[in-house]
């Protein structure tokens, strides 16, 4: 079995390698961040999120979404580790909010915080 530290190191290396490969491919294919910003990948993310809804048990659909999130964030000058740290901060905010109760009627609907 791997230690927690070994798992974290492997995860960090995997994220680094993925980000590096994605950057090279995306810049070559779609133009670098001086030419193309985050809006195109974010619009594409909408399409891929709908595909994930249609195939919610297909990990490749989630992978499409992850790649687009990473690429859009990079094009907005947000590094992967920064994005993870912002997600941690956002989760702490989410934990302070009140949400509607889960019911049979809303089980497949978004449950946004009460305003």
N, C-alpha and C. Protein backbone atom coordinates (compact mmCIF):
# COMPACT_ATOMS: atom_id res chain seq x y z
N UNK A 1 0.84 -1.20 0.00
CA UNK A 1 0.00 0.00 0.00
C UNK A 1 0.87 1.25 0.00
N UNK A 2 0.37 2.26 -0.68
CA UNK A 2 1.10 3.52 -0.73
C UNK A 2 0.76 4.36 0.49
N UNK A 3 1.74 5.11 0.96
CA UNK A 3 1.49 6.03 2.07
C UNK A 3 0.71 7.23 1.54
N UNK A 4 0.14 7.98 2.47
CA UNK A 4 -0.59 9.19 2.08
C UNK A 4 0.34 10.14 1.32
N UNK A 5 1.57 10.28 1.80
CA UNK A 5 2.53 11.16 1.14
C UNK A 5 2.82 10.69 -0.28
N UNK A 6 2.97 9.38 -0.46
CA UNK A 6 3.23 8.85 -1.81
C UNK A 6 2.05 9.10 -2.74
N UNK A 7 0.84 8.96 -2.23
CA UNK A 7 -0.36 9.23 -3.03
C UNK A 7 -0.40 10.72 -3.42
N UNK A 8 -0.11 11.59 -2.45
CA UNK A 8 -0.12 13.03 -2.74
C UNK A 8 0.95 13.40 -3.77
N UNK A 9 2.11 12.83 -3.64
CA UNK A 9 3.18 13.10 -4.61
C UNK A 9 2.77 12.62 -5.99
N UNK A 10 2.20 11.41 -6.06
CA UNK A 10 1.76 10.88 -7.35
C UNK A 10 0.67 11.76 -7.96
N UNK A 11 -0.28 12.20 -7.13
CA UNK A 11 -1.36 13.06 -7.62
C UNK A 11 -0.80 14.39 -8.12
N UNK A 12 0.13 14.97 -7.38
CA UNK A 12 0.74 16.23 -7.80
C UNK A 12 1.50 16.09 -9.10
N UNK A 13 2.25 15.00 -9.22
CA UNK A 13 3.00 14.76 -10.45
C UNK A 13 2.05 14.53 -11.62
N UNK A 14 0.96 13.80 -11.38
CA UNK A 14 -0.01 13.54 -12.44
C UNK A 14 -0.66 14.84 -12.90
N UNK A 15 -1.03 15.71 -11.95
CA UNK A 15 -1.64 16.99 -12.30
C UNK A 15 -0.64 17.86 -13.07
N UNK A 16 0.61 17.86 -12.63
CA UNK A 16 1.65 18.63 -13.32
C UNK A 16 1.84 18.14 -14.74
N UNK A 17 1.97 16.81 -14.90
CA UNK A 17 2.17 16.24 -16.23
C UNK A 17 0.98 16.50 -17.14
N UNK A 18 -0.23 16.33 -16.61
CA UNK A 18 -1.44 16.60 -17.39
C UNK A 18 -1.48 18.05 -17.83
N UNK A 19 -1.21 18.95 -16.90
CA UNK A 19 -1.25 20.38 -17.20
C UNK A 19 -0.21 20.74 -18.27
N UNK A 20 0.98 20.19 -18.15
CA UNK A 20 2.05 20.46 -19.12
C UNK A 20 1.64 19.96 -20.50
N UNK A 21 1.18 18.70 -20.57
CA UNK A 21 0.77 18.13 -21.86
C UNK A 21 -0.41 18.91 -22.46
N UNK A 22 -1.38 19.26 -21.63
CA UNK A 22 -2.54 20.02 -22.09
C UNK A 22 -2.13 21.37 -22.63
N UNK A 23 -1.24 22.05 -21.91
CA UNK A 23 -0.77 23.37 -22.34
C UNK A 23 -0.12 23.30 -23.72
N UNK A 24 0.78 22.34 -23.89
CA UNK A 24 1.48 22.20 -25.18
C UNK A 24 0.49 21.91 -26.30
N UNK A 25 -0.40 20.95 -26.08
CA UNK A 25 -1.36 20.57 -27.12
C UNK A 25 -2.34 21.70 -27.41
N UNK A 26 -2.88 22.31 -26.37
CA UNK A 26 -3.88 23.36 -26.55
C UNK A 26 -3.28 24.59 -27.25
N UNK A 27 -2.08 24.98 -26.85
CA UNK A 27 -1.44 26.13 -27.50
C UNK A 27 -1.20 25.84 -28.98
N UNK A 28 -0.74 24.64 -29.28
CA UNK A 28 -0.46 24.27 -30.67
C UNK A 28 -1.76 24.18 -31.49
N UNK A 29 -2.80 23.67 -30.87
CA UNK A 29 -4.05 23.41 -31.58
C UNK A 29 -4.95 24.63 -31.67
N UNK A 30 -5.04 25.40 -30.58
CA UNK A 30 -6.01 26.49 -30.50
C UNK A 30 -5.39 27.88 -30.36
N UNK A 31 -4.07 27.97 -30.25
CA UNK A 31 -3.41 29.25 -30.07
C UNK A 31 -3.07 29.49 -28.61
N UNK A 32 -1.99 30.24 -28.39
CA UNK A 32 -1.57 30.48 -27.01
C UNK A 32 -2.46 31.52 -26.34
N UNK A 33 -2.17 31.83 -25.08
CA UNK A 33 -3.05 32.71 -24.30
C UNK A 33 -3.02 34.15 -24.77
N UNK A 34 -2.06 34.50 -25.62
CA UNK A 34 -2.05 35.85 -26.20
C UNK A 34 -3.05 35.96 -27.35
N UNK A 35 -3.49 34.81 -27.87
CA UNK A 35 -4.42 34.77 -29.00
C UNK A 35 -5.83 34.39 -28.54
N UNK A 36 -5.91 33.38 -27.66
CA UNK A 36 -7.19 32.82 -27.24
C UNK A 36 -7.27 32.83 -25.72
N UNK A 37 -8.33 33.40 -25.21
CA UNK A 37 -8.54 33.46 -23.77
C UNK A 37 -9.41 32.32 -23.28
N UNK A 38 -10.03 32.46 -22.10
CA UNK A 38 -10.78 31.37 -21.49
C UNK A 38 -12.21 31.18 -21.99
N UNK A 39 -12.77 32.15 -22.71
CA UNK A 39 -14.20 32.09 -23.05
C UNK A 39 -14.54 30.91 -23.96
N UNK A 40 -13.75 30.66 -24.98
CA UNK A 40 -14.01 29.53 -25.87
C UNK A 40 -14.08 28.20 -25.13
N UNK A 41 -13.05 27.89 -24.32
CA UNK A 41 -13.12 26.64 -23.56
C UNK A 41 -14.30 26.60 -22.57
N UNK A 42 -14.66 27.73 -21.99
CA UNK A 42 -15.81 27.75 -21.07
C UNK A 42 -17.11 27.47 -21.81
N UNK A 43 -17.26 28.02 -23.02
CA UNK A 43 -18.45 27.73 -23.82
C UNK A 43 -18.48 26.26 -24.21
N UNK A 44 -17.32 25.70 -24.53
CA UNK A 44 -17.23 24.28 -24.88
C UNK A 44 -17.59 23.43 -23.65
N UNK A 45 -17.21 23.91 -22.46
CA UNK A 45 -17.53 23.20 -21.22
C UNK A 45 -19.04 23.02 -21.04
N UNK A 46 -19.81 24.02 -21.43
CA UNK A 46 -21.27 23.90 -21.35
C UNK A 46 -21.76 22.68 -22.14
N UNK A 47 -21.23 22.51 -23.35
CA UNK A 47 -21.60 21.38 -24.20
C UNK A 47 -21.18 20.06 -23.56
N UNK A 48 -19.95 20.01 -23.06
CA UNK A 48 -19.45 18.78 -22.47
C UNK A 48 -20.18 18.44 -21.17
N UNK A 49 -20.59 19.45 -20.40
CA UNK A 49 -21.35 19.19 -19.17
C UNK A 49 -22.69 18.56 -19.50
N UNK A 50 -23.31 18.99 -20.59
CA UNK A 50 -24.58 18.38 -21.02
C UNK A 50 -24.35 16.92 -21.44
N UNK A 51 -23.22 16.65 -22.12
CA UNK A 51 -22.90 15.28 -22.49
C UNK A 51 -22.69 14.41 -21.25
N UNK A 52 -22.06 14.97 -20.22
CA UNK A 52 -21.87 14.23 -18.96
C UNK A 52 -23.21 13.94 -18.30
N UNK A 53 -24.16 14.88 -18.43
CA UNK A 53 -25.50 14.64 -17.88
C UNK A 53 -26.18 13.49 -18.62
N UNK A 54 -25.93 13.38 -19.91
CA UNK A 54 -26.53 12.31 -20.71
C UNK A 54 -25.87 10.95 -20.44
N UNK A 55 -24.61 10.97 -20.01
CA UNK A 55 -23.86 9.74 -19.72
C UNK A 55 -23.15 9.89 -18.37
N UNK A 56 -23.93 9.97 -17.27
CA UNK A 56 -23.35 10.34 -15.98
C UNK A 56 -22.40 9.30 -15.36
N UNK A 57 -22.29 8.13 -15.96
CA UNK A 57 -21.38 7.11 -15.43
C UNK A 57 -20.16 6.90 -16.34
N UNK A 58 -19.99 7.78 -17.32
CA UNK A 58 -18.87 7.68 -18.25
C UNK A 58 -17.74 8.60 -17.79
N UNK A 59 -16.65 8.05 -17.26
CA UNK A 59 -15.57 8.90 -16.76
C UNK A 59 -14.92 9.77 -17.85
N UNK A 60 -15.03 9.36 -19.11
CA UNK A 60 -14.44 10.18 -20.18
C UNK A 60 -15.17 11.50 -20.33
N UNK A 61 -16.47 11.53 -20.02
CA UNK A 61 -17.20 12.80 -20.09
C UNK A 61 -16.72 13.75 -19.00
N UNK A 62 -16.43 13.21 -17.83
CA UNK A 62 -15.88 14.04 -16.74
C UNK A 62 -14.47 14.51 -17.10
N UNK A 63 -13.71 13.64 -17.77
CA UNK A 63 -12.37 14.01 -18.20
C UNK A 63 -12.43 15.17 -19.19
N UNK A 64 -13.40 15.14 -20.11
CA UNK A 64 -13.58 16.27 -21.04
C UNK A 64 -13.78 17.57 -20.26
N UNK A 65 -14.64 17.52 -19.25
CA UNK A 65 -14.93 18.71 -18.45
C UNK A 65 -13.69 19.19 -17.70
N UNK A 66 -12.96 18.24 -17.12
CA UNK A 66 -11.74 18.61 -16.38
C UNK A 66 -10.72 19.28 -17.29
N UNK A 67 -10.51 18.72 -18.47
CA UNK A 67 -9.55 19.32 -19.41
C UNK A 67 -9.96 20.73 -19.77
N UNK A 68 -11.24 20.94 -20.01
CA UNK A 68 -11.71 22.27 -20.37
C UNK A 68 -11.60 23.25 -19.21
N UNK A 69 -11.87 22.80 -18.00
CA UNK A 69 -11.71 23.67 -16.83
C UNK A 69 -10.24 24.06 -16.66
N UNK A 70 -9.35 23.07 -16.75
CA UNK A 70 -7.93 23.37 -16.62
C UNK A 70 -7.45 24.32 -17.71
N UNK A 71 -7.90 24.10 -18.95
CA UNK A 71 -7.45 24.95 -20.05
C UNK A 71 -8.01 26.36 -19.91
N UNK A 72 -9.28 26.48 -19.57
CA UNK A 72 -9.87 27.81 -19.40
C UNK A 72 -9.19 28.55 -18.26
N UNK A 73 -8.96 27.87 -17.14
CA UNK A 73 -8.30 28.51 -16.00
C UNK A 73 -6.89 28.97 -16.40
N UNK A 74 -6.16 28.13 -17.09
CA UNK A 74 -4.81 28.50 -17.54
C UNK A 74 -4.85 29.73 -18.44
N UNK A 75 -5.84 29.75 -19.32
CA UNK A 75 -5.97 30.89 -20.22
C UNK A 75 -6.41 32.16 -19.48
N UNK A 76 -6.92 32.00 -18.26
CA UNK A 76 -7.26 33.14 -17.39
C UNK A 76 -6.12 33.40 -16.39
N UNK A 77 -4.97 32.79 -16.63
CA UNK A 77 -3.77 32.95 -15.80
C UNK A 77 -3.94 32.39 -14.39
N UNK A 78 -4.70 31.29 -14.27
CA UNK A 78 -4.88 30.61 -12.99
C UNK A 78 -4.21 29.24 -13.11
N UNK A 79 -3.19 29.01 -12.28
CA UNK A 79 -2.45 27.75 -12.31
C UNK A 79 -3.26 26.65 -11.61
N UNK A 80 -2.99 25.36 -11.95
CA UNK A 80 -3.76 24.27 -11.34
C UNK A 80 -3.76 24.28 -9.81
N UNK A 81 -2.61 24.51 -9.19
CA UNK A 81 -2.57 24.53 -7.73
C UNK A 81 -3.38 25.70 -7.18
N UNK A 82 -3.32 26.84 -7.85
CA UNK A 82 -4.15 27.98 -7.44
C UNK A 82 -5.63 27.62 -7.53
N UNK A 83 -6.01 26.95 -8.61
CA UNK A 83 -7.40 26.56 -8.80
C UNK A 83 -7.86 25.64 -7.67
N UNK A 84 -7.00 24.70 -7.28
CA UNK A 84 -7.33 23.80 -6.17
C UNK A 84 -7.49 24.60 -4.88
N UNK A 85 -6.61 25.55 -4.65
CA UNK A 85 -6.70 26.37 -3.43
C UNK A 85 -7.96 27.23 -3.43
N UNK A 86 -8.33 27.78 -4.58
CA UNK A 86 -9.58 28.54 -4.67
C UNK A 86 -10.78 27.62 -4.45
N UNK A 87 -10.70 26.39 -4.96
CA UNK A 87 -11.79 25.44 -4.74
C UNK A 87 -11.93 25.10 -3.25
N UNK A 88 -10.81 25.00 -2.55
CA UNK A 88 -10.86 24.75 -1.11
C UNK A 88 -11.52 25.93 -0.38
N UNK A 89 -11.14 27.16 -0.77
CA UNK A 89 -11.76 28.36 -0.17
C UNK A 89 -13.25 28.40 -0.46
N UNK A 90 -13.62 28.09 -1.70
CA UNK A 90 -15.03 28.11 -2.09
C UNK A 90 -15.82 27.06 -1.32
N UNK A 91 -15.23 25.89 -1.11
CA UNK A 91 -15.90 24.85 -0.34
C UNK A 91 -16.19 25.33 1.09
N UNK A 92 -15.26 26.05 1.67
CA UNK A 92 -15.47 26.58 3.02
C UNK A 92 -16.65 27.56 3.03
N UNK A 93 -16.77 28.38 1.97
CA UNK A 93 -17.92 29.29 1.85
C UNK A 93 -19.21 28.47 1.71
N UNK A 94 -19.17 27.45 0.86
CA UNK A 94 -20.36 26.61 0.64
C UNK A 94 -20.84 25.96 1.94
N UNK A 95 -19.89 25.58 2.79
CA UNK A 95 -20.23 24.92 4.05
C UNK A 95 -20.98 25.86 5.00
N UNK A 96 -20.86 27.16 4.81
CA UNK A 96 -21.54 28.12 5.69
C UNK A 96 -22.94 28.46 5.22
N UNK A 97 -23.32 27.99 4.05
CA UNK A 97 -24.61 28.33 3.45
C UNK A 97 -25.67 27.29 3.75
N UNK A 98 -26.92 27.70 3.60
CA UNK A 98 -28.05 26.80 3.79
C UNK A 98 -28.56 26.36 2.43
N UNK A 99 -28.91 25.09 2.34
CA UNK A 99 -29.37 24.50 1.08
C UNK A 99 -30.74 23.87 1.27
N UNK A 100 -31.52 23.78 0.19
CA UNK A 100 -32.84 23.13 0.31
C UNK A 100 -32.67 21.65 0.66
N UNK A 101 -33.70 21.09 1.26
CA UNK A 101 -33.69 19.67 1.60
C UNK A 101 -33.81 18.83 0.33
N UNK A 102 -33.14 17.70 0.32
CA UNK A 102 -33.23 16.75 -0.80
C UNK A 102 -34.56 16.02 -0.70
N UNK A 103 -35.28 15.98 -1.83
CA UNK A 103 -36.55 15.27 -1.90
C UNK A 103 -36.56 14.40 -3.15
N UNK A 104 -37.55 13.55 -3.26
CA UNK A 104 -37.68 12.72 -4.46
C UNK A 104 -37.88 13.58 -5.71
N UNK A 105 -38.52 14.74 -5.54
CA UNK A 105 -38.80 15.63 -6.68
C UNK A 105 -37.56 16.38 -7.17
N UNK A 106 -36.60 16.64 -6.28
CA UNK A 106 -35.46 17.46 -6.70
C UNK A 106 -34.14 16.66 -6.77
N UNK A 107 -34.23 15.34 -6.71
CA UNK A 107 -33.03 14.51 -6.65
C UNK A 107 -32.08 14.73 -7.83
N UNK A 108 -32.59 15.04 -9.01
CA UNK A 108 -31.74 15.27 -10.18
C UNK A 108 -31.72 16.74 -10.59
N UNK A 109 -32.07 17.62 -9.68
CA UNK A 109 -32.05 19.06 -9.97
C UNK A 109 -30.92 19.72 -9.19
N UNK A 110 -30.43 20.87 -9.67
CA UNK A 110 -29.42 21.59 -8.90
C UNK A 110 -30.01 22.02 -7.56
N UNK A 111 -29.22 21.90 -6.51
CA UNK A 111 -29.65 22.36 -5.19
C UNK A 111 -28.74 23.54 -4.82
N UNK A 112 -29.17 24.73 -5.24
CA UNK A 112 -28.37 25.93 -4.98
C UNK A 112 -28.70 26.47 -3.60
N UNK A 113 -27.71 27.17 -3.02
CA UNK A 113 -27.92 27.70 -1.68
C UNK A 113 -29.07 28.67 -1.64
N UNK A 114 -29.72 28.71 -0.50
CA UNK A 114 -30.84 29.64 -0.31
C UNK A 114 -30.30 31.06 -0.22
N UNK A 115 -31.02 31.97 -0.82
CA UNK A 115 -30.56 33.38 -0.84
C UNK A 115 -31.40 34.22 0.08
